[in-house]
N, C-alpha and C. Protein backbone atom coordinates (compact mmCIF):
# COMPACT_ATOMS: atom_id res chain seq x y z
N MET A 1 41.98 1.28 13.76
CA MET A 1 41.29 1.43 15.03
C MET A 1 40.57 2.77 15.07
N SER A 2 39.42 2.75 15.67
CA SER A 2 38.69 4.01 15.79
C SER A 2 38.90 4.57 17.19
N GLU A 3 38.99 5.85 17.22
CA GLU A 3 39.18 6.51 18.51
C GLU A 3 37.85 7.03 19.02
N VAL A 4 37.68 7.03 20.31
CA VAL A 4 36.48 7.56 20.92
C VAL A 4 36.68 9.05 21.10
N LYS A 5 35.77 9.82 20.55
CA LYS A 5 35.87 11.27 20.69
C LYS A 5 35.52 11.66 22.11
N PRO A 6 36.29 12.56 22.70
CA PRO A 6 36.05 12.92 24.10
C PRO A 6 34.65 13.46 24.36
N GLU A 7 34.09 14.25 23.41
CA GLU A 7 32.76 14.82 23.65
C GLU A 7 31.68 13.74 23.61
N VAL A 8 31.89 12.69 22.84
CA VAL A 8 30.93 11.59 22.79
C VAL A 8 31.05 10.74 24.05
N ALA A 9 32.26 10.49 24.48
CA ALA A 9 32.48 9.68 25.67
C ALA A 9 31.95 10.36 26.92
N ALA A 10 31.93 11.70 26.92
CA ALA A 10 31.48 12.43 28.10
C ALA A 10 29.97 12.37 28.27
N GLU A 11 29.25 12.14 27.18
CA GLU A 11 27.79 12.08 27.27
C GLU A 11 27.37 10.85 28.06
N GLU A 12 26.45 11.05 28.93
CA GLU A 12 25.91 9.91 29.67
C GLU A 12 24.71 9.36 28.93
N VAL A 13 24.67 8.10 28.82
CA VAL A 13 23.54 7.45 28.16
C VAL A 13 22.49 7.20 29.22
N GLN A 14 21.31 7.77 29.00
CA GLN A 14 20.20 7.59 29.93
C GLN A 14 19.57 6.22 29.70
N PRO A 15 19.36 5.47 30.74
CA PRO A 15 18.70 4.17 30.55
C PRO A 15 17.26 4.37 30.10
N LYS A 16 16.80 3.50 29.23
CA LYS A 16 15.44 3.58 28.74
C LYS A 16 14.47 3.19 29.84
N ARG A 17 13.46 4.01 30.01
CA ARG A 17 12.45 3.69 31.02
C ARG A 17 11.39 2.82 30.36
N THR A 18 11.08 1.73 31.01
CA THR A 18 10.08 0.83 30.46
C THR A 18 8.78 0.98 31.22
N ARG A 19 7.70 0.71 30.52
CA ARG A 19 6.39 0.76 31.15
C ARG A 19 6.21 -0.44 32.05
N LYS A 20 5.40 -0.25 33.06
CA LYS A 20 5.04 -1.39 33.90
C LYS A 20 4.09 -2.26 33.09
N THR A 21 4.32 -3.54 33.11
CA THR A 21 3.44 -4.43 32.38
C THR A 21 2.37 -4.96 33.32
N THR A 22 1.24 -5.26 32.76
CA THR A 22 0.16 -5.84 33.53
C THR A 22 0.40 -7.33 33.63
N PRO A 23 0.47 -7.86 34.84
CA PRO A 23 0.68 -9.30 34.95
C PRO A 23 -0.52 -10.06 34.40
N ILE A 24 -0.23 -11.14 33.71
CA ILE A 24 -1.27 -11.98 33.14
C ILE A 24 -1.97 -12.75 34.27
N ALA A 25 -3.28 -12.77 34.22
CA ALA A 25 -4.06 -13.47 35.23
C ALA A 25 -3.89 -14.98 35.06
N VAL A 26 -3.89 -15.68 36.16
CA VAL A 26 -3.81 -17.14 36.16
C VAL A 26 -5.07 -17.67 36.85
N TYR A 27 -5.83 -18.48 36.13
CA TYR A 27 -7.05 -19.04 36.70
C TYR A 27 -6.69 -19.89 37.91
N PRO A 28 -7.39 -19.78 39.00
CA PRO A 28 -8.72 -19.26 39.26
C PRO A 28 -8.76 -17.81 39.78
N GLU A 29 -7.66 -17.10 39.74
CA GLU A 29 -7.72 -15.71 40.21
C GLU A 29 -8.60 -14.89 39.29
N VAL A 30 -9.19 -13.85 39.84
CA VAL A 30 -10.05 -12.97 39.07
C VAL A 30 -9.19 -11.87 38.48
N PRO A 31 -9.24 -11.69 37.15
CA PRO A 31 -8.40 -10.66 36.53
C PRO A 31 -8.83 -9.27 36.96
N THR A 32 -7.86 -8.38 37.05
CA THR A 32 -8.15 -7.01 37.46
C THR A 32 -8.27 -6.07 36.27
N ARG A 33 -7.78 -6.50 35.12
CA ARG A 33 -7.88 -5.70 33.89
C ARG A 33 -8.15 -6.63 32.72
N ILE A 34 -8.77 -6.10 31.70
CA ILE A 34 -9.08 -6.89 30.51
C ILE A 34 -7.80 -7.40 29.87
N ILE A 35 -6.80 -6.57 29.80
CA ILE A 35 -5.54 -6.92 29.16
C ILE A 35 -4.85 -8.10 29.85
N ALA A 36 -5.21 -8.36 31.10
CA ALA A 36 -4.59 -9.46 31.85
C ALA A 36 -5.15 -10.82 31.44
N ILE A 37 -6.19 -10.82 30.62
CA ILE A 37 -6.81 -12.07 30.18
C ILE A 37 -6.20 -12.48 28.85
N ASP A 38 -5.53 -13.62 28.85
CA ASP A 38 -4.96 -14.14 27.61
C ASP A 38 -5.68 -15.43 27.23
N GLY A 39 -5.26 -16.02 26.14
CA GLY A 39 -5.90 -17.24 25.66
C GLY A 39 -5.82 -18.38 26.65
N GLN A 40 -4.70 -18.50 27.33
CA GLN A 40 -4.54 -19.57 28.32
C GLN A 40 -5.50 -19.39 29.48
N TYR A 41 -5.70 -18.16 29.91
CA TYR A 41 -6.65 -17.90 31.01
C TYR A 41 -8.05 -18.35 30.59
N ILE A 42 -8.44 -18.01 29.37
CA ILE A 42 -9.78 -18.36 28.90
C ILE A 42 -9.93 -19.88 28.84
N LYS A 43 -8.91 -20.57 28.33
CA LYS A 43 -8.97 -22.04 28.27
C LYS A 43 -9.10 -22.63 29.68
N ASP A 44 -8.26 -22.15 30.59
CA ASP A 44 -8.30 -22.66 31.97
C ASP A 44 -9.63 -22.34 32.64
N TYR A 45 -10.16 -21.15 32.35
CA TYR A 45 -11.45 -20.75 32.92
C TYR A 45 -12.55 -21.71 32.49
N PHE A 46 -12.63 -21.94 31.17
CA PHE A 46 -13.67 -22.84 30.67
C PHE A 46 -13.49 -24.25 31.23
N ALA A 47 -12.26 -24.75 31.25
CA ALA A 47 -12.01 -26.10 31.77
C ALA A 47 -12.39 -26.19 33.25
N GLY A 48 -11.97 -25.23 34.04
CA GLY A 48 -12.25 -25.25 35.48
C GLY A 48 -13.73 -25.10 35.79
N GLU A 49 -14.38 -24.17 35.11
CA GLU A 49 -15.80 -23.93 35.36
C GLU A 49 -16.66 -25.09 34.84
N PHE A 50 -16.24 -25.72 33.75
CA PHE A 50 -16.97 -26.88 33.23
C PHE A 50 -16.86 -28.05 34.21
N LYS A 51 -15.67 -28.29 34.72
CA LYS A 51 -15.48 -29.38 35.69
C LYS A 51 -16.25 -29.12 36.97
N ALA A 52 -16.36 -27.85 37.35
CA ALA A 52 -17.08 -27.50 38.57
C ALA A 52 -18.60 -27.51 38.35
N GLY A 53 -19.02 -27.63 37.11
CA GLY A 53 -20.45 -27.66 36.82
C GLY A 53 -21.09 -26.29 36.66
N ASN A 54 -20.29 -25.25 36.55
CA ASN A 54 -20.81 -23.89 36.41
C ASN A 54 -21.10 -23.51 34.96
N ILE A 55 -20.55 -24.28 34.03
CA ILE A 55 -20.78 -24.04 32.61
C ILE A 55 -21.24 -25.37 32.00
N THR A 56 -22.27 -25.29 31.17
CA THR A 56 -22.84 -26.50 30.58
C THR A 56 -22.16 -26.86 29.25
N ARG A 57 -22.44 -28.06 28.78
CA ARG A 57 -21.95 -28.49 27.47
C ARG A 57 -22.48 -27.58 26.38
N LYS A 58 -23.73 -27.18 26.52
CA LYS A 58 -24.36 -26.31 25.52
C LYS A 58 -23.61 -24.98 25.44
N GLU A 59 -23.26 -24.41 26.59
CA GLU A 59 -22.52 -23.14 26.59
C GLU A 59 -21.13 -23.31 25.96
N ILE A 60 -20.46 -24.41 26.26
CA ILE A 60 -19.16 -24.67 25.65
C ILE A 60 -19.31 -24.74 24.13
N GLY A 61 -20.38 -25.39 23.67
CA GLY A 61 -20.65 -25.49 22.23
C GLY A 61 -20.89 -24.12 21.62
N GLU A 62 -21.62 -23.26 22.33
CA GLU A 62 -21.87 -21.91 21.82
C GLU A 62 -20.58 -21.11 21.70
N TRP A 63 -19.70 -21.24 22.69
CA TRP A 63 -18.41 -20.53 22.65
C TRP A 63 -17.53 -21.10 21.54
N THR A 64 -17.62 -22.39 21.30
CA THR A 64 -16.88 -23.01 20.20
C THR A 64 -17.35 -22.44 18.87
N ASP A 65 -18.67 -22.35 18.71
CA ASP A 65 -19.24 -21.80 17.47
C ASP A 65 -18.81 -20.35 17.28
N LEU A 66 -18.83 -19.58 18.37
CA LEU A 66 -18.41 -18.18 18.29
C LEU A 66 -16.95 -18.08 17.85
N ALA A 67 -16.08 -18.89 18.45
CA ALA A 67 -14.66 -18.86 18.09
C ALA A 67 -14.48 -19.21 16.62
N GLU A 68 -15.15 -20.24 16.15
CA GLU A 68 -15.03 -20.64 14.75
C GLU A 68 -15.55 -19.57 13.81
N LYS A 69 -16.65 -18.93 14.18
CA LYS A 69 -17.22 -17.85 13.37
C LYS A 69 -16.25 -16.67 13.29
N LEU A 70 -15.69 -16.27 14.43
CA LEU A 70 -14.76 -15.14 14.44
C LEU A 70 -13.48 -15.46 13.68
N ILE A 71 -12.99 -16.68 13.78
CA ILE A 71 -11.79 -17.07 13.04
C ILE A 71 -12.07 -17.02 11.54
N ALA A 72 -13.25 -17.48 11.12
CA ALA A 72 -13.61 -17.44 9.70
C ALA A 72 -13.72 -16.00 9.20
N GLU A 73 -14.27 -15.10 10.04
CA GLU A 73 -14.46 -13.70 9.63
C GLU A 73 -13.15 -12.90 9.66
N LYS A 74 -12.41 -13.03 10.74
CA LYS A 74 -11.27 -12.15 10.98
C LYS A 74 -9.91 -12.80 10.77
N GLY A 75 -9.87 -14.11 10.75
CA GLY A 75 -8.61 -14.82 10.60
C GLY A 75 -8.10 -15.32 11.94
N GLU A 76 -7.16 -16.26 11.85
CA GLU A 76 -6.63 -16.92 13.05
C GLU A 76 -5.93 -15.95 13.99
N ARG A 77 -5.32 -14.92 13.46
CA ARG A 77 -4.54 -14.01 14.30
C ARG A 77 -5.35 -12.81 14.81
N ALA A 78 -6.48 -12.51 14.20
CA ALA A 78 -7.20 -11.28 14.55
C ALA A 78 -8.51 -11.50 15.30
N TYR A 79 -8.89 -12.72 15.52
CA TYR A 79 -10.20 -12.99 16.14
C TYR A 79 -10.20 -12.77 17.65
N PHE A 80 -9.04 -12.86 18.27
CA PHE A 80 -8.99 -12.98 19.73
C PHE A 80 -9.55 -11.77 20.47
N GLN A 81 -9.30 -10.56 19.99
CA GLN A 81 -9.80 -9.38 20.72
C GLN A 81 -11.32 -9.40 20.84
N GLU A 82 -11.98 -9.72 19.74
CA GLU A 82 -13.45 -9.79 19.78
C GLU A 82 -13.91 -10.93 20.68
N PHE A 83 -13.25 -12.06 20.60
CA PHE A 83 -13.60 -13.21 21.44
C PHE A 83 -13.42 -12.85 22.92
N ARG A 84 -12.29 -12.23 23.25
CA ARG A 84 -12.03 -11.85 24.64
C ARG A 84 -13.04 -10.81 25.11
N ALA A 85 -13.40 -9.87 24.23
CA ALA A 85 -14.38 -8.84 24.60
C ALA A 85 -15.72 -9.48 24.98
N GLN A 86 -16.15 -10.47 24.23
CA GLN A 86 -17.40 -11.14 24.54
C GLN A 86 -17.27 -12.00 25.79
N PHE A 87 -16.12 -12.61 25.98
CA PHE A 87 -15.84 -13.39 27.19
C PHE A 87 -15.94 -12.48 28.43
N VAL A 88 -15.31 -11.32 28.36
CA VAL A 88 -15.34 -10.37 29.48
C VAL A 88 -16.75 -9.89 29.72
N GLN A 89 -17.45 -9.58 28.65
CA GLN A 89 -18.83 -9.10 28.78
C GLN A 89 -19.72 -10.13 29.48
N LYS A 90 -19.49 -11.40 29.20
CA LYS A 90 -20.31 -12.46 29.78
C LYS A 90 -19.90 -12.81 31.21
N PHE A 91 -18.60 -12.97 31.46
CA PHE A 91 -18.15 -13.50 32.74
C PHE A 91 -17.55 -12.46 33.70
N PHE A 92 -17.08 -11.34 33.19
CA PHE A 92 -16.47 -10.31 34.03
C PHE A 92 -16.97 -8.92 33.65
N PRO A 93 -18.29 -8.68 33.73
CA PRO A 93 -18.83 -7.39 33.30
C PRO A 93 -18.30 -6.21 34.11
N ASP A 94 -17.83 -6.46 35.33
CA ASP A 94 -17.28 -5.37 36.14
C ASP A 94 -16.04 -4.77 35.49
N LEU A 95 -15.28 -5.56 34.75
CA LEU A 95 -14.10 -5.03 34.07
C LEU A 95 -14.50 -4.04 32.98
N GLU A 96 -15.61 -4.30 32.31
CA GLU A 96 -16.12 -3.38 31.30
C GLU A 96 -16.54 -2.06 31.94
N LYS A 97 -17.18 -2.14 33.09
CA LYS A 97 -17.62 -0.93 33.78
C LYS A 97 -16.42 -0.10 34.21
N ARG A 98 -15.38 -0.75 34.71
CA ARG A 98 -14.17 -0.04 35.13
C ARG A 98 -13.54 0.68 33.96
N LYS A 99 -13.56 0.04 32.79
CA LYS A 99 -12.95 0.62 31.60
C LYS A 99 -13.64 1.93 31.23
N SER A 100 -14.96 1.97 31.35
CA SER A 100 -15.70 3.15 30.94
C SER A 100 -15.70 4.25 32.01
N GLN A 101 -15.19 3.98 33.19
CA GLN A 101 -15.19 4.97 34.26
C GLN A 101 -13.89 5.75 34.35
N LYS A 102 -13.06 5.68 33.32
CA LYS A 102 -11.79 6.40 33.36
C LYS A 102 -12.07 7.89 33.45
N VAL A 103 -11.26 8.56 34.23
CA VAL A 103 -11.41 9.99 34.41
C VAL A 103 -10.79 10.71 33.23
N LYS A 104 -11.56 11.62 32.65
CA LYS A 104 -11.04 12.38 31.51
C LYS A 104 -10.08 13.43 32.04
N LYS A 105 -8.89 13.42 31.46
CA LYS A 105 -7.89 14.39 31.87
C LYS A 105 -8.07 15.67 31.07
N GLU A 106 -7.81 16.78 31.72
CA GLU A 106 -7.92 18.08 31.06
C GLU A 106 -6.76 18.24 30.09
N SER A 107 -7.09 18.65 28.86
CA SER A 107 -6.04 18.84 27.87
C SER A 107 -5.31 20.15 28.16
N MET A 108 -4.12 20.28 27.59
CA MET A 108 -3.32 21.48 27.78
C MET A 108 -4.04 22.70 27.23
N SER A 109 -4.68 22.56 26.06
CA SER A 109 -5.37 23.70 25.46
C SER A 109 -6.56 24.13 26.33
N ASP A 110 -7.29 23.17 26.89
CA ASP A 110 -8.40 23.53 27.78
C ASP A 110 -7.89 24.25 29.02
N PHE A 111 -6.78 23.78 29.56
CA PHE A 111 -6.19 24.42 30.73
C PHE A 111 -5.80 25.86 30.41
N LEU A 112 -5.13 26.04 29.29
CA LEU A 112 -4.67 27.39 28.91
C LEU A 112 -5.84 28.31 28.63
N LYS A 113 -6.87 27.80 27.98
CA LYS A 113 -8.07 28.60 27.70
C LYS A 113 -8.73 29.02 29.00
N GLY A 114 -8.69 28.14 29.98
CA GLY A 114 -9.28 28.45 31.28
C GLY A 114 -8.55 29.56 32.01
N LEU A 115 -7.30 29.77 31.71
CA LEU A 115 -6.53 30.85 32.34
C LEU A 115 -6.90 32.22 31.76
N LEU A 116 -7.45 32.24 30.56
CA LEU A 116 -7.79 33.53 29.91
C LEU A 116 -9.05 34.12 30.43
């Protein structure tokens, strides 16, 4: 049997803090961040918009060609980021604008240099 050392038992284990996750968007809601768009959202978006008449057969064909091209170039597992980026650029350009408007934080070295 192993004994618990008193100094080890006295230490409190701090619970690990986890990051808040971005909830995945569910169509027809409008995503608030690019990361919230997954493959299922894109499928549901195309299906819903096609049924509503907002997307044509030709456009669906173009997106199919793009997906096949990206899969051939990057592989089945690596194509999605590029595909999602183009999807966002076409249908949710405001998300791209939000991404580029992030406020640059002052680095520690810049702060310290400013004190001199």
